[in-house]
């Protein structure tokens, strides 16, 4: 299975190709199907990583697990 970064790069290429709009329908459908599979793979990897973060936070008694979105918002607020 491709790594997360590789999936993301390939997804970006697929989106760019589809946005151009000059592909034959069959090629566009093939790319779209590949994009859906890559998207699902990326989502699963993110969910796994989020679960690991929550486990690590729970193991440290001082910290409470927070949803990933909350952590991202805090990081952006510090910038």
C-alpha atoms as a PDB file:
ATOM      1  CA  UNK A   1       0.000   0.000   0.000  1.00  0.00           C
ATOM      2  CA  UNK A   2       1.435   3.432  -0.919  1.00  0.00           C
ATOM      3  CA  UNK A   3       2.480   5.758   1.851  1.00  0.00           C
ATOM      4  CA  UNK A   4       0.244   8.657   2.885  1.00  0.00           C
ATOM      5  CA  UNK A   5       2.414  11.303   1.201  1.00  0.00           C
ATOM      6  CA  UNK A   6       2.524   9.313  -2.044  1.00  0.00           C
ATOM      7  CA  UNK A   7      -1.264   8.912  -1.977  1.00  0.00           C
ATOM      8  CA  UNK A   8      -1.721  12.625  -1.432  1.00  0.00           C
ATOM      9  CA  UNK A   9       0.622  13.564  -4.286  1.00  0.00           C
ATOM     10  CA  UNK A  10      -1.130  11.160  -6.656  1.00  0.00           C
ATOM     11  CA  UNK A  11      -4.527  12.510  -5.569  1.00  0.00           C
ATOM     12  CA  UNK A  12      -3.388  16.056  -6.361  1.00  0.00           C
ATOM     13  CA  UNK A  13      -2.284  14.963  -9.838  1.00  0.00           C
ATOM     14  CA  UNK A  14      -5.617  13.226 -10.437  1.00  0.00           C
ATOM     15  CA  UNK A  15      -7.588  16.293  -9.317  1.00  0.00           C
ATOM     16  CA  UNK A  16      -5.527  18.520 -11.622  1.00  0.00           C
ATOM     17  CA  UNK A  17      -6.143  16.183 -14.556  1.00  0.00           C
ATOM     18  CA  UNK A  18      -9.881  16.005 -13.887  1.00  0.00           C
ATOM     19  CA  UNK A  19     -10.177  19.787 -13.438  1.00  0.00           C
ATOM     20  CA  UNK A  20      -8.709  20.381 -16.895  1.00  0.00           C
ATOM     21  CA  UNK A  21     -11.830  18.716 -18.302  1.00  0.00           C
ATOM     22  CA  UNK A  22     -10.232  17.612 -21.570  1.00  0.00           C
ATOM     23  CA  UNK A  23     -10.097  13.879 -20.811  1.00  0.00           C
ATOM     24  CA  UNK A  24     -12.145  11.250 -22.596  1.00  0.00           C
ATOM     25  CA  UNK A  25     -14.981  10.035 -20.374  1.00  0.00           C
ATOM     26  CA  UNK A  26     -13.505   6.561 -19.891  1.00  0.00           C
ATOM     27  CA  UNK A  27     -10.135   7.987 -18.769  1.00  0.00           C
ATOM     28  CA  UNK A  28     -11.868  10.470 -16.452  1.00  0.00           C
ATOM     29  CA  UNK A  29     -13.883   7.662 -14.846  1.00  0.00           C
ATOM     30  CA  UNK A  30     -10.741   5.546 -14.382  1.00  0.00           C
ATOM     31  CA  UNK A  31      -8.941   8.465 -12.721  1.00  0.00           C
ATOM     32  CA  UNK A  32     -11.974   9.249 -10.569  1.00  0.00           C
ATOM     33  CA  UNK A  33     -12.151   5.630  -9.385  1.00  0.00           C
ATOM     34  CA  UNK A  34      -8.428   5.649  -8.556  1.00  0.00           C
ATOM     35  CA  UNK A  35      -8.914   8.934  -6.698  1.00  0.00           C
ATOM     36  CA  UNK A  36     -11.710   7.479  -4.572  1.00  0.00           C
ATOM     37  CA  UNK A  37      -9.528   4.499  -3.635  1.00  0.00           C
ATOM     38  CA  UNK A  38      -6.606   6.777  -2.750  1.00  0.00           C
ATOM     39  CA  UNK A  39      -8.894   9.043  -0.733  1.00  0.00           C
ATOM     40  CA  UNK A  40     -10.195   6.074   1.267  1.00  0.00           C
ATOM     41  CA  UNK A  41      -6.650   4.875   1.881  1.00  0.00           C
ATOM     42  CA  UNK A  42      -5.546   8.329   3.104  1.00  0.00           C
ATOM     43  CA  UNK A  43      -8.590   8.594   5.373  1.00  0.00           C
ATOM     44  CA  UNK A  44      -7.863   5.200   6.950  1.00  0.00           C
ATOM     45  CA  UNK A  45      -4.247   6.195   7.606  1.00  0.00           C
ATOM     46  CA  UNK A  46      -5.360   9.450   9.227  1.00  0.00           C
ATOM     47  CA  UNK A  47      -7.881   7.629  11.421  1.00  0.00           C
ATOM     48  CA  UNK A  48      -5.170   5.173  12.506  1.00  0.00           C
ATOM     49  CA  UNK A  49      -2.794   8.028  13.329  1.00  0.00           C
ATOM     50  CA  UNK A  50      -5.532   9.849  15.252  1.00  0.00           C
ATOM     51  CA  UNK A  51      -6.196   6.692  17.282  1.00  0.00           C
ATOM     52  CA  UNK A  52      -2.501   6.380  18.123  1.00  0.00           C
ATOM     53  CA  UNK A  53      -2.386  10.022  19.245  1.00  0.00           C
ATOM     54  CA  UNK A  54      -5.392   9.469  21.525  1.00  0.00           C
ATOM     55  CA  UNK A  55      -3.777   6.364  23.053  1.00  0.00           C
ATOM     56  CA  UNK A  56      -0.570   8.280  23.720  1.00  0.00           C
ATOM     57  CA  UNK A  57      -2.499  11.152  25.293  1.00  0.00           C
ATOM     58  CA  UNK A  58      -4.484   8.756  27.488  1.00  0.00           C
ATOM     59  CA  UNK A  59      -1.306   7.044  28.683  1.00  0.00           C
ATOM     60  CA  UNK A  60      -0.035  10.362  29.983  1.00  0.00           C
ATOM     61  CA  UNK A  61      -2.419  10.918  32.907  1.00  0.00           C
ATOM     62  CA  UNK A  62      -2.064  14.709  32.793  1.00  0.00           C
ATOM     63  CA  UNK A  63      -3.418  15.125  29.272  1.00  0.00           C
ATOM     64  CA  UNK A  64      -6.899  14.421  28.012  1.00  0.00           C
ATOM     65  CA  UNK A  65      -7.375  13.232  24.429  1.00  0.00           C
ATOM     66  CA  UNK A  66      -8.725  15.925  22.179  1.00  0.00           C
ATOM     67  CA  UNK A  67     -10.225  15.566  18.729  1.00  0.00           C
ATOM     68  CA  UNK A  68      -7.657  16.054  15.987  1.00  0.00           C
ATOM     69  CA  UNK A  69      -9.478  19.206  14.777  1.00  0.00           C
ATOM     70  CA  UNK A  70      -9.055  20.878  18.159  1.00  0.00           C
ATOM     71  CA  UNK A  71      -5.313  20.196  18.135  1.00  0.00           C
ATOM     72  CA  UNK A  72      -5.018  21.614  14.617  1.00  0.00           C
ATOM     73  CA  UNK A  73      -6.958  24.761  15.552  1.00  0.00           C
ATOM     74  CA  UNK A  74      -4.704  25.341  18.583  1.00  0.00           C
ATOM     75  CA  UNK A  75      -1.590  24.931  16.457  1.00  0.00           C
ATOM     76  CA  UNK A  76      -2.915  27.415  13.895  1.00  0.00           C
ATOM     77  CA  UNK A  77      -3.866  29.891  16.617  1.00  0.00           C
ATOM     78  CA  UNK A  78      -0.266  29.913  17.898  1.00  0.00           C
ATOM     79  CA  UNK A  79       1.075  31.046  14.502  1.00  0.00           C
END
